[in-house]
């Protein structure tokens, strides 16, 4: 698949910024059999024409922020009885792994709402709910956006995504007594470091907010299952988990959240956005990992119920 073939228009309205006609997709299992809910917030690859027109960058550069094909790698979750929520919109358009209003006032014409978080570290880095930068600190937009564009984007894409996550995690909690949100991402094989470009050595990085967002046996299960299949794994460095992991992970309330980052060099050519030959084998491995995580999560639910 080339880097331009999936750039498409999702549908337009007369508004200054078009809304995606279908901003998210929920892939449901034939029968709910797991407390797991899988989330893929950064794998969307539908780029509205008006967004491309407002950007000073070409589509290939904008795609550098995608967690390309992660939704496909975890598509087997439904075979384990778990739903998958995936974004259709791209991360460069809106980042669902942020607070709803992490916004940089320098990006917009007009006054932001008083509840906007304009001082977070992510906003300062140019990576708020609506990002200012992409790839190697490249400015996305040619000019300031109307504030109304930001508010409309949040309403049309962010709210449906998190509405689905809340509905599915609450459903899992009702059915099983706990929920486990597995937040699925990918990471570039080379990142900017203090001494210049640094290659990520691990195939996977698991983020559980340093043990605060999920039960340790859940993280340990994913790590052991990946290592057993020959992959190298790190925990929490350089990615400990973002807003989704922090917001949905409350082990004391039987709500667990674990983030996984896959090294893109493991499954794709990062320059051409093409899948490597063993892509399908990795997807099967990840389905097996999800099945093992589901089994441990169900055992944890049974133990919790017996202890109460």
Protein backbone atom coordinates (compact mmCIF):
# COMPACT_ATOMS: atom_id res chain seq x y z
CA UNK A 1 0.00 0.00 0.00
CA UNK A 2 1.51 3.32 -1.02
CA UNK A 3 1.63 6.34 1.22
CA UNK A 4 -1.10 8.18 -0.70
CA UNK A 5 -3.63 5.51 -1.61
CA UNK A 6 -5.69 5.81 1.58
CA UNK A 7 -5.84 9.60 1.67
CA UNK A 8 -9.54 10.30 1.09
CA UNK A 9 -12.39 12.63 1.82
CA UNK A 10 -14.78 11.40 4.48
CA UNK A 11 -17.64 13.75 3.68
CA UNK A 12 -18.12 17.51 3.80
CA UNK A 13 -20.55 19.96 5.30
CA UNK A 14 -20.86 23.66 4.45
CA UNK A 15 -18.82 24.43 7.59
CA UNK A 16 -15.32 25.90 7.36
CA UNK A 17 -13.86 22.57 8.52
CA UNK A 18 -15.69 19.45 7.30
CA UNK A 19 -16.78 16.84 9.81
CA UNK A 20 -15.93 13.24 9.26
CA UNK A 21 -19.11 11.44 8.35
CA UNK A 22 -18.04 8.36 10.36
CA UNK A 23 -15.39 9.43 12.87
CA UNK A 24 -15.01 6.09 14.67
CA UNK A 25 -15.72 2.41 14.23
CA UNK A 26 -16.53 -0.08 16.97
CA UNK A 27 -15.71 -3.66 15.94
CA UNK A 28 -17.85 -5.87 18.17
CA UNK A 29 -17.33 -9.59 18.84
CA UNK A 30 -20.05 -12.07 17.92
CA UNK A 31 -20.56 -12.56 21.66
CA UNK A 32 -19.09 -10.56 24.52
CA UNK A 33 -16.75 -12.94 26.35
CA UNK A 34 -14.05 -10.71 27.82
CA UNK A 35 -13.67 -7.71 30.13
CA UNK A 36 -11.16 -6.29 27.62
CA UNK A 37 -11.81 -3.20 25.50
CA UNK A 38 -9.20 -2.41 22.85
CA UNK A 39 -8.55 1.16 21.72
CA UNK A 40 -6.68 2.37 18.62
CA UNK A 41 -6.90 6.19 18.72
CA UNK A 42 -4.04 7.02 16.34
CA UNK A 43 -4.46 4.62 13.40
CA UNK A 44 -7.05 6.70 11.51
CA UNK A 45 -6.12 7.46 7.92
CA UNK A 46 -8.99 9.43 6.39
CA UNK A 47 -7.85 12.99 5.68
CA UNK A 48 -10.55 15.58 4.87
CA UNK A 49 -9.70 17.75 1.89
CA UNK A 50 -10.22 20.96 3.84
CA UNK A 51 -7.70 19.79 6.45
CA UNK A 52 -5.13 19.07 3.74
CA UNK A 53 -5.82 22.47 2.22
CA UNK A 54 -5.24 24.21 5.56
CA UNK A 55 -1.93 22.43 6.12
CA UNK A 56 1.44 23.64 4.87
CA UNK A 57 2.64 20.02 4.75
CA UNK A 58 2.11 17.31 2.17
CA UNK A 59 0.12 14.18 3.07
CA UNK A 60 3.26 12.03 3.41
CA UNK A 61 4.61 14.32 6.14
CA UNK A 62 1.25 14.45 7.94
CA UNK A 63 1.13 10.67 7.99
CA UNK A 64 4.33 10.55 10.04
CA UNK A 65 2.20 10.91 13.19
CA UNK A 66 -0.03 7.93 12.34
CA UNK A 67 0.13 4.69 14.27
CA UNK A 68 -0.16 3.08 10.87
CA UNK A 69 -2.05 -0.24 10.63
CA UNK A 70 -2.27 -0.74 14.41
CA UNK A 71 -6.01 -1.29 14.11
CA UNK A 72 -5.30 -4.10 11.64
CA UNK A 73 -2.68 -5.67 13.91
CA UNK A 74 -5.26 -5.94 16.70
CA UNK A 75 -8.24 -6.79 14.47
CA UNK A 76 -8.30 -10.33 15.91
CA UNK A 77 -9.58 -9.03 19.26
CA UNK A 78 -13.15 -9.87 18.29
CA UNK A 79 -12.13 -13.54 18.10
CA UNK A 80 -11.29 -13.27 21.81
CA UNK A 81 -14.73 -11.86 22.61
CA UNK A 82 -13.51 -8.27 23.01
CA UNK A 83 -14.54 -5.08 21.17
CA UNK A 84 -12.12 -2.73 19.40
CA UNK A 85 -12.66 1.04 19.09
CA UNK A 86 -10.69 2.62 16.27
CA UNK A 87 -10.47 6.20 15.07
CA UNK A 88 -11.20 6.91 11.41
CA UNK A 89 -9.79 10.44 11.72
CA UNK A 90 -5.99 10.85 11.76
CA UNK A 91 -3.95 11.93 14.76
CA UNK A 92 -2.76 15.06 12.93
CA UNK A 93 -6.42 16.13 12.66
CA UNK A 94 -7.24 15.46 16.33
CA UNK A 95 -5.51 13.48 19.07
CA UNK A 96 -7.95 11.46 21.17
CA UNK A 97 -5.17 10.54 23.62
CA UNK A 98 -5.33 14.00 25.18
CA UNK A 99 -7.66 15.92 27.44
CA UNK A 100 -10.59 17.20 25.40
CA UNK A 101 -9.40 20.82 25.49
CA UNK A 102 -5.59 20.81 25.57
CA UNK A 103 -5.29 23.69 23.13
CA UNK A 104 -2.55 26.15 22.22
CA UNK A 105 -4.00 29.69 22.03
CA UNK A 106 -1.27 30.67 19.55
CA UNK A 107 -2.90 28.39 16.98
CA UNK A 108 -6.33 30.00 16.92
CA UNK A 109 -8.14 33.21 16.04
CA UNK A 110 -10.66 33.92 18.76
CA UNK A 111 -10.99 33.24 22.48
CA UNK A 112 -10.69 29.68 23.73
CA UNK A 113 -13.27 28.53 26.31
CA UNK A 114 -12.25 29.18 29.92
CA UNK A 115 -11.97 25.44 30.65
CA UNK A 116 -9.28 24.93 27.99
CA UNK A 117 -5.95 23.65 29.33
CA UNK A 118 -3.45 25.92 27.61
CA UNK A 119 -0.48 25.24 29.90
CA UNK A 120 0.09 21.50 29.77
CA UNK A 121 3.48 20.08 28.80
CA UNK A 122 1.87 18.50 25.75
CA UNK A 123 0.53 21.86 24.58
CA UNK A 124 3.96 23.41 25.13
CA UNK A 125 5.47 20.67 22.98
CA UNK A 126 3.02 21.42 20.17
CA UNK A 127 1.15 18.16 20.74
CA UNK A 128 -2.20 19.15 22.20
CA UNK A 129 -5.66 17.87 21.32
CA UNK A 130 -5.23 19.63 18.01
CA UNK A 131 -1.52 19.37 17.32
CA UNK A 132 0.59 22.28 16.14
CA UNK A 133 3.56 20.13 15.12
CA UNK A 134 4.13 16.82 13.39
CA UNK A 135 7.18 14.66 12.64
CA UNK A 136 10.45 16.53 13.21
CA UNK A 137 8.78 19.60 14.74
CA UNK A 138 7.16 20.63 11.46
CA UNK A 139 4.38 23.21 11.77
CA UNK A 140 1.16 21.72 10.44
CA UNK A 141 -0.85 24.81 9.57
CA UNK A 142 -0.13 27.64 7.19
CA UNK A 143 -2.13 30.10 9.30
CA UNK A 144 -4.20 30.34 12.48
CA UNK A 145 -7.44 28.37 12.66
CA UNK A 146 -10.76 29.81 13.82
CA UNK A 147 -11.57 28.73 17.39
CA UNK A 148 -14.86 27.40 16.05
CA UNK A 149 -12.88 24.88 13.98
CA UNK A 150 -11.28 23.44 17.11
CA UNK A 151 -14.56 23.24 19.01
CA UNK A 152 -16.34 21.63 16.08
CA UNK A 153 -13.56 19.05 15.66
CA UNK A 154 -13.71 18.12 19.34
CA UNK A 155 -17.47 17.74 19.22
CA UNK A 156 -17.45 15.70 15.99
CA UNK A 157 -14.54 13.33 16.69
CA UNK A 158 -13.21 13.43 20.25
CA UNK A 159 -16.56 13.11 21.99
CA UNK A 160 -17.74 10.10 19.93
CA UNK A 161 -14.44 8.31 20.53
CA UNK A 162 -14.48 8.70 24.28
CA UNK A 163 -18.22 8.14 24.40
CA UNK A 164 -17.60 4.70 22.89
CA UNK A 165 -14.76 3.95 25.33
CA UNK A 166 -16.90 4.91 28.32
CA UNK A 167 -19.87 2.87 27.09
CA UNK A 168 -17.79 -0.25 26.43
CA UNK A 169 -15.73 -0.11 29.63
CA UNK A 170 -18.90 0.43 31.68
CA UNK A 171 -20.52 -2.51 29.88
CA UNK A 172 -17.50 -4.69 30.69
CA UNK A 173 -17.65 -3.61 34.31
CA UNK A 174 -21.33 -4.54 34.55
CA UNK A 175 -20.80 -7.91 32.86
CA UNK A 176 -17.54 -8.98 34.54
CA UNK A 177 -17.09 -6.80 37.60
CA UNK A 178 -14.05 -5.08 36.10
CA UNK A 179 -12.82 -3.56 32.86
CA UNK A 180 -9.41 -3.70 31.17
CA UNK A 181 -8.70 -1.07 28.53
CA UNK A 182 -5.84 -2.10 26.24
CA UNK A 183 -4.68 1.08 24.46
CA UNK A 184 -2.84 0.20 21.25
CA UNK A 185 -0.19 2.39 19.63
CA UNK A 186 2.99 2.29 17.58
CA UNK A 187 6.22 4.23 17.91
CA UNK A 188 8.84 5.31 15.37
CA UNK A 189 11.97 3.20 15.37
CA UNK A 190 14.09 6.35 15.70
CA UNK A 191 13.24 9.24 18.03
CA UNK A 192 14.89 12.53 18.88
CA UNK A 193 17.09 12.28 21.97
CA UNK A 194 19.29 14.60 23.98
CA UNK A 195 22.30 13.59 21.92
CA UNK A 196 20.50 13.49 18.58
CA UNK A 197 18.55 10.71 16.93
CA UNK A 198 18.23 7.56 19.03
CA UNK A 199 17.05 4.15 17.87
CA UNK A 200 14.37 2.48 19.97
CA UNK A 201 15.85 -0.86 21.00
CA UNK A 202 12.67 -2.57 22.17
CA UNK A 203 10.09 -4.16 19.91
CA UNK A 204 7.37 -3.26 22.42
CA UNK A 205 7.01 -0.74 25.24
CA UNK A 206 4.30 -1.36 27.83
CA UNK A 207 2.99 1.63 29.76
CA UNK A 208 1.09 1.21 33.02
CA UNK A 209 1.93 4.61 34.52
CA UNK A 210 4.64 2.94 36.59
CA UNK A 211 2.25 0.41 38.05
CA UNK A 212 -0.59 2.80 38.88
CA UNK A 213 -3.04 2.23 36.00
CA UNK A 214 -3.54 -1.55 36.10
CA UNK A 215 -2.98 -4.67 38.16
CA UNK A 216 0.63 -5.91 37.90
CA UNK A 217 -0.41 -9.37 36.70
CA UNK A 218 -2.00 -7.82 33.61
CA UNK A 219 1.19 -6.04 32.58
CA UNK A 220 3.24 -9.12 33.43
CA UNK A 221 1.02 -11.32 31.27
CA UNK A 222 1.47 -9.17 28.18
CA UNK A 223 5.21 -8.90 28.76
CA UNK A 224 5.70 -12.64 29.24
CA UNK A 225 3.55 -13.55 26.24
CA UNK A 226 5.51 -11.18 24.00
CA UNK A 227 8.89 -12.36 25.29
CA UNK A 228 7.83 -15.98 24.84
CA UNK A 229 7.31 -15.21 21.15
CA UNK A 230 10.78 -13.73 20.79
CA UNK A 231 10.05 -10.00 21.10
CA UNK A 232 12.00 -7.58 23.27
CA UNK A 233 9.95 -5.60 25.77
CA UNK A 234 10.49 -2.53 27.97
CA UNK A 235 8.20 -0.98 30.55
CA UNK A 236 7.26 2.70 30.82
CA UNK A 237 10.33 4.09 29.05
CA UNK A 238 10.09 6.05 26.90
CA UNK A 239 6.28 5.77 27.00
CA UNK A 240 4.47 5.30 30.32
CA UNK A 241 0.97 5.86 28.98
CA UNK A 242 -0.97 8.95 27.96
CA UNK A 243 -4.32 10.49 28.80
CA UNK A 244 -6.33 7.35 27.99
CA UNK A 245 -4.22 5.12 30.24
CA UNK A 246 -4.27 7.65 33.05
CA UNK A 247 -7.94 8.54 32.70
CA UNK A 248 -9.39 5.03 32.38
CA UNK A 249 -6.99 3.26 34.73
CA UNK A 250 -8.25 3.14 38.32
CA UNK A 251 -7.37 -0.30 39.73
CA UNK A 252 -8.92 0.56 43.09
CA UNK A 253 -12.26 0.83 41.27
CA UNK A 254 -11.65 -2.35 39.23
CA UNK A 255 -10.90 -0.33 36.10
CA UNK A 256 -7.55 -1.16 34.52
CA UNK A 257 -5.73 0.42 31.58
CA UNK A 258 -2.52 -0.67 29.86
CA UNK A 259 -0.82 0.99 26.89
CA UNK A 260 1.22 -0.91 24.31
CA UNK A 261 3.60 0.70 21.82
CA UNK A 262 4.85 -1.36 18.87
CA UNK A 263 8.10 -0.42 17.16
CA UNK A 264 7.07 0.42 13.60
CA UNK A 265 10.30 -1.04 12.30
CA UNK A 266 9.00 -4.45 13.38
CA UNK A 267 6.07 -4.49 10.96
CA UNK A 268 6.38 -1.77 8.30
CA UNK A 269 8.69 0.22 6.07
CA UNK A 270 8.45 3.63 7.70
CA UNK A 271 9.54 5.48 4.55
CA UNK A 272 7.02 3.91 2.17
CA UNK A 273 4.22 3.03 4.62
CA UNK A 274 4.22 -0.53 3.32
CA UNK A 275 3.72 -3.64 5.44
CA UNK A 276 6.63 -6.04 5.91
CA UNK A 277 6.17 -9.71 4.88
CA UNK A 278 5.68 -10.93 8.45
CA UNK A 279 2.86 -8.45 9.21
CA UNK A 280 0.25 -11.23 9.29
CA UNK A 281 2.37 -13.36 11.61
CA UNK A 282 2.70 -10.42 14.04
CA UNK A 283 -1.07 -9.90 13.93
CA UNK A 284 -1.59 -13.55 14.87
CA UNK A 285 0.91 -13.23 17.72
CA UNK A 286 -0.95 -10.20 19.02
CA UNK A 287 -4.27 -12.01 18.85
CA UNK A 288 -2.72 -14.73 21.03
CA UNK A 289 -1.44 -12.07 23.45
CA UNK A 290 -4.91 -10.52 23.66
CA UNK A 291 -6.40 -13.98 24.34
CA UNK A 292 -3.92 -14.57 27.18
CA UNK A 293 -4.61 -11.11 28.63
CA UNK A 294 -8.33 -11.78 28.44
CA UNK A 295 -7.93 -15.07 30.30
CA UNK A 296 -5.98 -13.44 33.12
CA UNK A 297 -8.45 -10.55 33.28
CA UNK A 298 -11.35 -12.99 33.64
CA UNK A 299 -9.50 -14.88 36.37
CA UNK A 300 -8.89 -11.58 38.16
CA UNK A 301 -12.59 -10.77 37.89
CA UNK A 302 -13.50 -14.16 39.36
CA UNK A 303 -11.06 -13.68 42.24
CA UNK A 304 -12.40 -10.19 42.94
CA UNK A 305 -15.98 -11.46 42.98
CA UNK A 306 -15.08 -14.29 45.39
CA UNK A 307 -13.26 -11.87 47.70
CA UNK A 308 -16.18 -9.49 47.98
